């Protein structure tokens, strides 16, 4: 399910895994590296400090060549129910950087949150992303790209499904 309201994106997914395991897949750097990023991407977790104010820095080697970096500055870490972070592109040093696409006309920062809800032996995971301080043009592009974000996050979450299935509950 995807909803839009101005410059917001929401994606909900049911996962066939208990909430504690889903939480671990988001907070254990070895597991995060196995699923985070577009399909076919090899992700390396360069730094991972999942606490308020902590930073996660990722390198994603793209299937067609080249690399992009991402940075999370964690805001809320409430085990096992909620994570929120300021999500941005980065350079190889982890410094804030413009997106490598759309001629850099993409919001510099997004506030992302993930909520984990138990549903029997399964977990309902809801990701929300919203722009922070974006220009009208950046918001327009963000909204136009919601189908692409749905596909991109959906592909990441398919990889997450496989990682969860490979782990002991």
N, C-alpha and C. Protein backbone atom coordinates (compact mmCIF):
# COMPACT_ATOMS: atom_id res chain seq x y z
N UNK A 1 0.85 -1.17 0.00
CA UNK A 1 0.00 0.00 0.00
C UNK A 1 0.89 1.23 0.00
N UNK A 2 0.67 2.16 -0.90
CA UNK A 2 1.44 3.39 -0.99
C UNK A 2 0.48 4.57 -0.93
N UNK A 3 0.86 5.57 -0.13
CA UNK A 3 0.04 6.77 0.00
C UNK A 3 0.92 7.99 -0.24
N UNK A 4 0.35 9.05 -0.75
CA UNK A 4 1.09 10.28 -0.89
C UNK A 4 0.29 11.41 -0.25
N UNK A 5 0.97 12.33 0.33
CA UNK A 5 0.39 13.54 0.89
C UNK A 5 1.49 14.57 0.87
N UNK A 6 1.43 15.47 -0.10
CA UNK A 6 2.52 16.41 -0.33
C UNK A 6 3.78 15.61 -0.63
N UNK A 7 4.80 15.76 0.19
CA UNK A 7 6.05 15.07 -0.09
C UNK A 7 6.29 13.95 0.92
N UNK A 8 5.34 13.03 0.99
CA UNK A 8 5.43 11.88 1.87
C UNK A 8 5.30 10.60 1.05
N UNK A 9 5.92 9.56 1.53
CA UNK A 9 5.84 8.24 0.91
C UNK A 9 5.68 7.23 2.04
N UNK A 10 4.74 6.32 1.90
CA UNK A 10 4.54 5.28 2.91
C UNK A 10 4.41 3.93 2.22
N UNK A 11 5.09 2.94 2.77
CA UNK A 11 5.03 1.59 2.25
C UNK A 11 4.88 0.64 3.42
N UNK A 12 3.85 -0.22 3.38
CA UNK A 12 3.63 -1.21 4.43
C UNK A 12 3.84 -2.59 3.84
N UNK A 13 4.50 -3.44 4.62
CA UNK A 13 4.78 -4.80 4.16
C UNK A 13 4.62 -5.77 5.33
N UNK A 14 4.00 -6.90 5.04
CA UNK A 14 3.91 -7.99 6.02
C UNK A 14 5.09 -8.91 5.82
N UNK A 15 5.78 -9.21 6.89
CA UNK A 15 6.96 -10.07 6.83
C UNK A 15 6.69 -11.35 7.60
N UNK A 16 7.11 -12.46 7.05
CA UNK A 16 6.93 -13.76 7.69
C UNK A 16 8.07 -14.04 8.66
N UNK A 17 8.17 -13.17 9.67
CA UNK A 17 9.22 -13.30 10.67
C UNK A 17 8.77 -12.57 11.93
N UNK A 18 9.24 -13.03 13.08
CA UNK A 18 8.89 -12.32 14.32
C UNK A 18 9.57 -10.95 14.38
N UNK A 19 8.95 -10.05 15.11
CA UNK A 19 9.43 -8.67 15.20
C UNK A 19 10.88 -8.59 15.67
N UNK A 20 11.28 -9.41 16.62
CA UNK A 20 12.67 -9.34 17.12
C UNK A 20 13.67 -9.62 16.01
N UNK A 21 13.35 -10.55 15.13
CA UNK A 21 14.25 -10.87 14.01
C UNK A 21 14.26 -9.74 12.99
N UNK A 22 13.10 -9.14 12.70
CA UNK A 22 13.05 -8.02 11.77
C UNK A 22 13.86 -6.86 12.33
N UNK A 23 13.71 -6.60 13.61
CA UNK A 23 14.50 -5.54 14.26
C UNK A 23 15.99 -5.80 14.07
N UNK A 24 16.39 -7.05 14.32
CA UNK A 24 17.81 -7.40 14.18
C UNK A 24 18.31 -7.18 12.75
N UNK A 25 17.46 -7.47 11.75
CA UNK A 25 17.86 -7.27 10.35
C UNK A 25 18.12 -5.80 10.04
N UNK A 26 17.48 -4.90 10.77
CA UNK A 26 17.70 -3.47 10.59
C UNK A 26 18.87 -2.95 11.41
N UNK A 27 19.19 -3.60 12.52
CA UNK A 27 20.18 -3.03 13.44
C UNK A 27 21.50 -3.79 13.50
N UNK A 28 21.57 -4.99 12.96
CA UNK A 28 22.81 -5.75 12.90
C UNK A 28 23.48 -5.43 11.56
N UNK A 29 24.67 -4.83 11.58
CA UNK A 29 25.29 -4.40 10.31
C UNK A 29 25.53 -5.54 9.32
N UNK A 30 25.82 -6.75 9.82
CA UNK A 30 26.04 -7.88 8.91
C UNK A 30 24.76 -8.23 8.17
N UNK A 31 23.63 -8.20 8.86
CA UNK A 31 22.35 -8.49 8.20
C UNK A 31 21.91 -7.34 7.31
N UNK A 32 22.07 -6.10 7.78
CA UNK A 32 21.69 -4.93 6.99
C UNK A 32 22.40 -4.92 5.64
N UNK A 33 23.66 -5.27 5.63
CA UNK A 33 24.44 -5.29 4.38
C UNK A 33 23.90 -6.31 3.39
N UNK A 34 23.24 -7.34 3.87
CA UNK A 34 22.76 -8.41 2.99
C UNK A 34 21.48 -8.03 2.25
N UNK A 35 20.74 -7.00 2.69
CA UNK A 35 19.47 -6.71 2.05
C UNK A 35 19.28 -5.25 1.65
N UNK A 36 19.97 -4.33 2.27
CA UNK A 36 19.70 -2.92 2.02
C UNK A 36 20.27 -2.48 0.67
N UNK A 37 19.46 -1.81 -0.10
CA UNK A 37 19.88 -1.26 -1.38
C UNK A 37 19.11 -1.90 -2.52
N UNK A 38 19.18 -1.29 -3.68
CA UNK A 38 18.48 -1.83 -4.85
C UNK A 38 18.94 -3.25 -5.16
N UNK A 39 18.05 -4.03 -5.78
CA UNK A 39 18.40 -5.40 -6.16
C UNK A 39 19.67 -5.40 -7.00
N UNK A 40 20.53 -6.36 -6.71
CA UNK A 40 21.78 -6.49 -7.45
C UNK A 40 22.91 -5.65 -6.89
N UNK A 41 22.61 -4.83 -5.89
CA UNK A 41 23.61 -3.97 -5.28
C UNK A 41 24.37 -4.74 -4.20
N UNK A 42 25.65 -4.55 -4.14
CA UNK A 42 26.46 -5.10 -3.05
C UNK A 42 26.68 -3.97 -2.05
N UNK A 43 26.11 -4.12 -0.86
CA UNK A 43 26.18 -3.07 0.15
C UNK A 43 27.23 -3.41 1.19
N UNK A 44 28.02 -2.40 1.53
CA UNK A 44 29.01 -2.51 2.59
C UNK A 44 28.64 -1.49 3.67
N UNK A 45 28.53 -1.94 4.90
CA UNK A 45 28.27 -1.03 6.02
C UNK A 45 29.63 -0.56 6.53
N UNK A 46 29.91 0.72 6.33
CA UNK A 46 31.20 1.29 6.69
C UNK A 46 31.23 1.76 8.14
N UNK A 47 30.10 2.21 8.64
CA UNK A 47 29.95 2.63 10.04
C UNK A 47 28.50 2.36 10.41
N UNK A 48 28.29 1.97 11.66
CA UNK A 48 26.92 1.68 12.09
C UNK A 48 26.81 1.92 13.58
N UNK A 49 26.09 2.97 13.94
CA UNK A 49 25.90 3.34 15.33
C UNK A 49 24.42 3.66 15.54
N UNK A 50 23.57 2.60 15.65
CA UNK A 50 22.13 2.82 15.74
C UNK A 50 21.67 3.27 17.13
N UNK A 51 21.95 4.53 17.44
CA UNK A 51 21.46 5.18 18.65
C UNK A 51 21.18 6.62 18.29
N UNK A 52 20.33 7.32 19.04
CA UNK A 52 20.06 8.72 18.69
C UNK A 52 21.36 9.52 18.55
N UNK A 53 21.51 10.17 17.42
CA UNK A 53 22.73 10.93 17.11
C UNK A 53 23.80 10.10 16.44
N UNK A 54 23.68 8.78 16.44
CA UNK A 54 24.65 7.91 15.79
C UNK A 54 24.49 7.94 14.28
N UNK A 55 25.53 7.53 13.59
CA UNK A 55 25.55 7.59 12.13
C UNK A 55 25.79 6.20 11.55
N UNK A 56 25.04 5.90 10.50
CA UNK A 56 25.30 4.72 9.67
C UNK A 56 25.76 5.24 8.32
N UNK A 57 26.84 4.68 7.80
CA UNK A 57 27.39 5.08 6.50
C UNK A 57 27.51 3.82 5.65
N UNK A 58 26.89 3.83 4.48
CA UNK A 58 26.84 2.67 3.60
C UNK A 58 27.45 2.99 2.24
N UNK A 59 28.07 2.00 1.66
CA UNK A 59 28.53 2.06 0.27
C UNK A 59 27.74 1.01 -0.49
N UNK A 60 27.14 1.42 -1.62
CA UNK A 60 26.39 0.48 -2.45
C UNK A 60 27.06 0.42 -3.81
N UNK A 61 27.64 -0.74 -4.12
CA UNK A 61 28.26 -0.96 -5.43
C UNK A 61 27.15 -1.39 -6.38
N UNK A 62 26.94 -0.59 -7.42
CA UNK A 62 25.82 -0.79 -8.32
C UNK A 62 26.11 -1.89 -9.33
N UNK A 63 25.07 -2.60 -9.77
CA UNK A 63 25.27 -3.72 -10.70
C UNK A 63 25.93 -3.30 -12.01
N UNK A 64 25.66 -2.10 -12.50
CA UNK A 64 26.23 -1.63 -13.75
C UNK A 64 27.58 -0.96 -13.59
N UNK A 65 28.10 -0.95 -12.36
CA UNK A 65 29.36 -0.29 -12.08
C UNK A 65 29.14 0.99 -11.31
N UNK A 66 30.16 1.44 -10.65
CA UNK A 66 30.07 2.65 -9.85
C UNK A 66 29.50 2.36 -8.47
N UNK A 67 29.61 3.36 -7.62
CA UNK A 67 29.13 3.22 -6.25
C UNK A 67 28.41 4.49 -5.83
N UNK A 68 27.46 4.30 -4.93
CA UNK A 68 26.83 5.44 -4.27
C UNK A 68 26.90 5.18 -2.78
N UNK A 69 26.90 6.26 -2.02
CA UNK A 69 26.98 6.18 -0.58
C UNK A 69 25.72 6.77 0.03
N UNK A 70 25.35 6.24 1.18
CA UNK A 70 24.20 6.76 1.92
C UNK A 70 24.63 7.00 3.36
N UNK A 71 23.89 7.89 4.00
CA UNK A 71 24.16 8.21 5.40
C UNK A 71 22.84 8.29 6.15
N UNK A 72 22.78 7.67 7.30
CA UNK A 72 21.64 7.78 8.21
C UNK A 72 22.16 8.47 9.47
N UNK A 73 21.48 9.51 9.89
CA UNK A 73 21.74 10.09 11.21
C UNK A 73 20.53 9.71 12.05
N UNK A 74 20.74 8.80 12.98
CA UNK A 74 19.63 8.22 13.74
C UNK A 74 19.03 9.24 14.70
N UNK A 75 17.70 9.28 14.72
CA UNK A 75 16.97 10.16 15.63
C UNK A 75 16.31 9.38 16.75
N UNK A 76 15.64 8.29 16.39
CA UNK A 76 14.93 7.50 17.39
C UNK A 76 15.24 6.03 17.17
N UNK A 77 15.57 5.36 18.27
CA UNK A 77 15.83 3.93 18.24
C UNK A 77 15.10 3.35 19.45
N UNK A 78 13.90 2.86 19.21
CA UNK A 78 13.06 2.33 20.28
C UNK A 78 12.84 0.85 20.01
N UNK A 79 13.71 0.03 20.59
CA UNK A 79 13.65 -1.41 20.36
C UNK A 79 12.39 -1.99 20.99
N UNK A 80 11.66 -2.84 20.32
CA UNK A 80 11.75 -3.31 18.94
C UNK A 80 10.68 -2.70 18.04
N UNK A 81 10.24 -1.48 18.35
CA UNK A 81 9.06 -0.96 17.67
C UNK A 81 9.30 0.14 16.64
N UNK A 82 10.37 0.91 16.75
CA UNK A 82 10.49 2.08 15.88
C UNK A 82 11.94 2.51 15.70
N UNK A 83 12.25 2.84 14.44
CA UNK A 83 13.51 3.49 14.08
C UNK A 83 13.17 4.74 13.28
N UNK A 84 13.90 5.82 13.51
CA UNK A 84 13.78 6.98 12.61
C UNK A 84 15.17 7.57 12.42
N UNK A 85 15.38 8.11 11.23
CA UNK A 85 16.68 8.66 10.89
C UNK A 85 16.54 9.68 9.78
N UNK A 86 17.52 10.58 9.70
CA UNK A 86 17.63 11.49 8.58
C UNK A 86 18.47 10.76 7.54
N UNK A 87 17.88 10.55 6.39
CA UNK A 87 18.47 9.75 5.32
C UNK A 87 18.97 10.70 4.23
N UNK A 88 20.19 10.48 3.79
CA UNK A 88 20.72 11.33 2.72
C UNK A 88 21.75 10.54 1.92
N UNK A 89 22.07 11.08 0.76
CA UNK A 89 23.21 10.57 0.03
C UNK A 89 24.45 11.15 0.69
N UNK A 90 25.57 10.52 0.46
CA UNK A 90 26.81 10.92 1.10
C UNK A 90 27.95 10.73 0.12
N UNK A 91 29.12 11.18 0.53
CA UNK A 91 30.32 10.88 -0.24
C UNK A 91 31.05 9.75 0.48
N UNK A 92 32.22 9.39 -0.03
CA UNK A 92 32.94 8.26 0.54
C UNK A 92 33.39 8.49 1.98
N UNK A 93 33.44 9.75 2.42
CA UNK A 93 33.81 10.07 3.80
C UNK A 93 32.61 10.13 4.73
N UNK A 94 31.40 9.98 4.17
CA UNK A 94 30.19 10.05 4.98
C UNK A 94 29.62 11.45 5.11
N UNK A 95 30.17 12.38 4.34
CA UNK A 95 29.67 13.76 4.37
C UNK A 95 28.43 13.87 3.48
N UNK A 96 27.51 14.73 3.85
CA UNK A 96 26.29 14.97 3.10
C UNK A 96 26.61 15.32 1.65
N UNK A 97 25.87 14.72 0.71
CA UNK A 97 26.12 14.95 -0.71
C UNK A 97 24.78 14.98 -1.46
N UNK A 98 24.78 15.63 -2.59
CA UNK A 98 23.60 15.66 -3.45
C UNK A 98 23.42 14.30 -4.12
N UNK A 99 22.20 14.01 -4.49
CA UNK A 99 21.88 12.76 -5.18
C UNK A 99 22.63 12.70 -6.51
N UNK A 100 23.07 11.51 -6.90
CA UNK A 100 23.81 11.37 -8.16
C UNK A 100 22.90 11.27 -9.38
N UNK A 101 21.65 11.62 -9.24
CA UNK A 101 20.68 11.55 -10.35
C UNK A 101 19.78 12.77 -10.30
N UNK A 102 18.96 12.94 -11.32
CA UNK A 102 18.06 14.10 -11.46
C UNK A 102 18.82 15.42 -11.38
N UNK A 103 20.04 15.42 -11.90
CA UNK A 103 20.89 16.61 -11.85
C UNK A 103 21.01 17.15 -10.44
N UNK A 104 20.95 16.27 -9.45
CA UNK A 104 21.08 16.68 -8.06
C UNK A 104 19.83 17.31 -7.50
N UNK A 105 18.77 17.38 -8.30
CA UNK A 105 17.53 18.00 -7.83
C UNK A 105 16.69 16.93 -7.15
N UNK A 106 17.05 16.63 -5.96
CA UNK A 106 16.39 15.65 -5.11
C UNK A 106 16.53 16.20 -3.69
N UNK A 107 15.58 15.99 -2.82
CA UNK A 107 15.73 16.52 -1.46
C UNK A 107 17.06 16.09 -0.84
N UNK A 108 17.74 17.05 -0.25
CA UNK A 108 19.03 16.76 0.36
C UNK A 108 18.89 15.79 1.53
N UNK A 109 17.78 15.94 2.28
CA UNK A 109 17.55 15.07 3.42
C UNK A 109 16.09 14.62 3.46
N UNK A 110 15.91 13.37 3.91
CA UNK A 110 14.59 12.80 4.12
C UNK A 110 14.51 12.31 5.56
N UNK A 111 13.36 12.48 6.17
CA UNK A 111 13.13 11.88 7.48
C UNK A 111 12.44 10.56 7.24
N UNK A 112 13.13 9.47 7.55
CA UNK A 112 12.58 8.13 7.37
C UNK A 112 12.26 7.55 8.74
N UNK A 113 11.18 6.79 8.78
CA UNK A 113 10.86 6.05 10.00
C UNK A 113 10.32 4.69 9.60
N UNK A 114 10.58 3.72 10.45
CA UNK A 114 10.06 2.38 10.27
C UNK A 114 9.42 1.96 11.59
N UNK A 115 8.18 1.49 11.48
CA UNK A 115 7.45 1.00 12.64
C UNK A 115 7.25 -0.50 12.46
N UNK A 116 7.50 -1.25 13.52
CA UNK A 116 7.39 -2.70 13.50
C UNK A 116 6.27 -3.11 14.45
N UNK A 117 5.24 -3.78 13.91
CA UNK A 117 4.10 -4.20 14.71
C UNK A 117 3.95 -5.71 14.62
N UNK A 118 3.79 -6.35 15.79
CA UNK A 118 3.57 -7.79 15.80
C UNK A 118 2.19 -8.11 15.25
N UNK A 119 2.12 -9.17 14.47
CA UNK A 119 0.86 -9.69 13.96
C UNK A 119 0.97 -11.21 14.01
N UNK A 120 0.72 -11.75 15.20
CA UNK A 120 0.95 -13.17 15.41
C UNK A 120 2.44 -13.46 15.29
N UNK A 121 2.79 -14.43 14.46
CA UNK A 121 4.20 -14.77 14.22
C UNK A 121 4.82 -13.90 13.14
N UNK A 122 4.04 -13.00 12.58
CA UNK A 122 4.50 -12.13 11.49
C UNK A 122 4.74 -10.72 12.03
N UNK A 123 5.31 -9.88 11.16
CA UNK A 123 5.56 -8.48 11.52
C UNK A 123 5.05 -7.58 10.41
N UNK A 124 4.26 -6.59 10.80
CA UNK A 124 3.83 -5.54 9.86
C UNK A 124 4.85 -4.41 9.99
N UNK A 125 5.50 -4.12 8.89
CA UNK A 125 6.53 -3.09 8.87
C UNK A 125 6.04 -1.94 8.00
N UNK A 126 6.05 -0.73 8.55
CA UNK A 126 5.61 0.44 7.80
C UNK A 126 6.75 1.44 7.73
N UNK A 127 7.17 1.73 6.51
CA UNK A 127 8.22 2.72 6.24
C UNK A 127 7.55 4.00 5.79
N UNK A 128 7.95 5.11 6.37
CA UNK A 128 7.48 6.43 5.96
C UNK A 128 8.70 7.29 5.66
N UNK A 129 8.61 8.03 4.57
CA UNK A 129 9.69 8.93 4.17
C UNK A 129 9.07 10.28 3.83
N UNK A 130 9.66 11.34 4.36
CA UNK A 130 9.16 12.68 4.05
C UNK A 130 10.33 13.63 3.87
N UNK A 131 10.12 14.62 3.05
CA UNK A 131 11.19 15.57 2.77
C UNK A 131 11.43 16.47 3.98
N UNK A 132 12.66 16.94 4.09
CA UNK A 132 13.06 17.90 5.12
C UNK A 132 13.61 19.12 4.38
N UNK A 133 12.99 20.26 4.57
CA UNK A 133 13.52 21.50 4.01
C UNK A 133 13.72 21.50 2.51
N UNK A 134 12.90 20.76 1.79
CA UNK A 134 13.06 20.64 0.34
C UNK A 134 12.42 21.83 -0.37
N UNK A 135 12.95 22.15 -1.52
CA UNK A 135 12.35 23.19 -2.36
C UNK A 135 11.09 22.61 -3.01
N UNK A 136 10.28 23.49 -3.58
CA UNK A 136 9.08 23.04 -4.29
C UNK A 136 9.46 22.08 -5.43
N UNK A 137 10.55 22.38 -6.14
CA UNK A 137 10.98 21.51 -7.24
C UNK A 137 11.44 20.14 -6.72
N UNK A 138 12.17 20.13 -5.60
CA UNK A 138 12.60 18.86 -5.01
C UNK A 138 11.39 18.04 -4.55
N UNK A 139 10.40 18.71 -3.96
CA UNK A 139 9.17 18.01 -3.54
C UNK A 139 8.44 17.44 -4.75
N UNK A 140 8.39 18.21 -5.83
CA UNK A 140 7.72 17.75 -7.05
C UNK A 140 8.39 16.48 -7.56
N UNK A 141 9.70 16.48 -7.64
CA UNK A 141 10.43 15.30 -8.13
C UNK A 141 10.24 14.13 -7.17
N UNK A 142 10.30 14.39 -5.88
CA UNK A 142 10.07 13.34 -4.89
C UNK A 142 8.72 12.67 -5.13
N UNK A 143 7.68 13.47 -5.29
CA UNK A 143 6.33 12.93 -5.51
C UNK A 143 6.27 12.18 -6.84
N UNK A 144 6.88 12.74 -7.89
CA UNK A 144 6.89 12.05 -9.20
C UNK A 144 7.59 10.70 -9.12
N UNK A 145 8.54 10.57 -8.22
CA UNK A 145 9.34 9.34 -8.14
C UNK A 145 8.78 8.32 -7.15
N UNK A 146 7.61 8.56 -6.60
CA UNK A 146 7.03 7.59 -5.68
C UNK A 146 6.89 6.20 -6.31
N UNK A 147 6.45 6.06 -7.56
CA UNK A 147 6.44 4.71 -8.13
C UNK A 147 7.83 4.06 -8.14
N UNK A 148 8.85 4.83 -8.41
CA UNK A 148 10.22 4.30 -8.41
C UNK A 148 10.65 3.93 -6.99
N UNK A 149 10.29 4.76 -6.00
CA UNK A 149 10.63 4.44 -4.61
C UNK A 149 9.89 3.18 -4.16
N UNK A 150 8.64 3.05 -4.60
CA UNK A 150 7.88 1.85 -4.27
C UNK A 150 8.60 0.62 -4.83
N UNK A 151 9.07 0.71 -6.06
CA UNK A 151 9.80 -0.39 -6.68
C UNK A 151 11.14 -0.63 -5.98
N UNK A 152 11.86 0.46 -5.71
CA UNK A 152 13.19 0.32 -5.09
C UNK A 152 13.12 -0.25 -3.68
N UNK A 153 12.28 0.34 -2.83
CA UNK A 153 12.13 -0.20 -1.48
C UNK A 153 11.52 -1.60 -1.55
N UNK A 154 10.57 -1.81 -2.47
CA UNK A 154 9.98 -3.14 -2.62
C UNK A 154 11.04 -4.18 -2.93
N UNK A 155 11.98 -3.84 -3.82
CA UNK A 155 13.07 -4.76 -4.14
C UNK A 155 13.97 -5.01 -2.94
N UNK A 156 14.26 -3.96 -2.18
CA UNK A 156 15.05 -4.14 -0.95
C UNK A 156 14.33 -5.05 0.02
N UNK A 157 13.01 -4.85 0.14
CA UNK A 157 12.25 -5.66 1.08
C UNK A 157 12.10 -7.10 0.61
N UNK A 158 12.15 -7.36 -0.70
CA UNK A 158 12.20 -8.74 -1.18
C UNK A 158 13.51 -9.39 -0.73
N UNK A 159 14.59 -8.64 -0.80
CA UNK A 159 15.88 -9.14 -0.30
C UNK A 159 15.82 -9.35 1.21
N UNK A 160 15.14 -8.44 1.92
CA UNK A 160 14.96 -8.60 3.36
C UNK A 160 14.19 -9.89 3.66
N UNK A 161 13.15 -10.17 2.88
CA UNK A 161 12.39 -11.43 3.05
C UNK A 161 13.34 -12.62 2.99
N UNK A 162 14.24 -12.63 2.00
CA UNK A 162 15.17 -13.76 1.84
C UNK A 162 16.12 -13.86 3.02
N UNK A 163 16.61 -12.72 3.50
CA UNK A 163 17.51 -12.73 4.66
C UNK A 163 16.77 -13.26 5.89
N UNK A 164 15.55 -12.79 6.10
CA UNK A 164 14.76 -13.26 7.25
C UNK A 164 14.53 -14.76 7.18
N UNK A 165 14.22 -15.25 5.98
CA UNK A 165 13.96 -16.68 5.82
C UNK A 165 15.19 -17.54 6.10
N UNK A 166 16.39 -16.94 5.95
CA UNK A 166 17.63 -17.69 6.16
C UNK A 166 18.09 -17.68 7.62
N UNK A 167 17.39 -16.93 8.47
CA UNK A 167 17.81 -16.77 9.86
C UNK A 167 16.96 -17.62 10.80
N UNK A 168 17.57 -18.16 11.84
CA UNK A 168 16.76 -18.83 12.85
C UNK A 168 15.92 -17.80 13.60
N UNK A 169 14.67 -18.13 13.84
CA UNK A 169 13.78 -17.21 14.56
C UNK A 169 14.22 -17.18 15.99
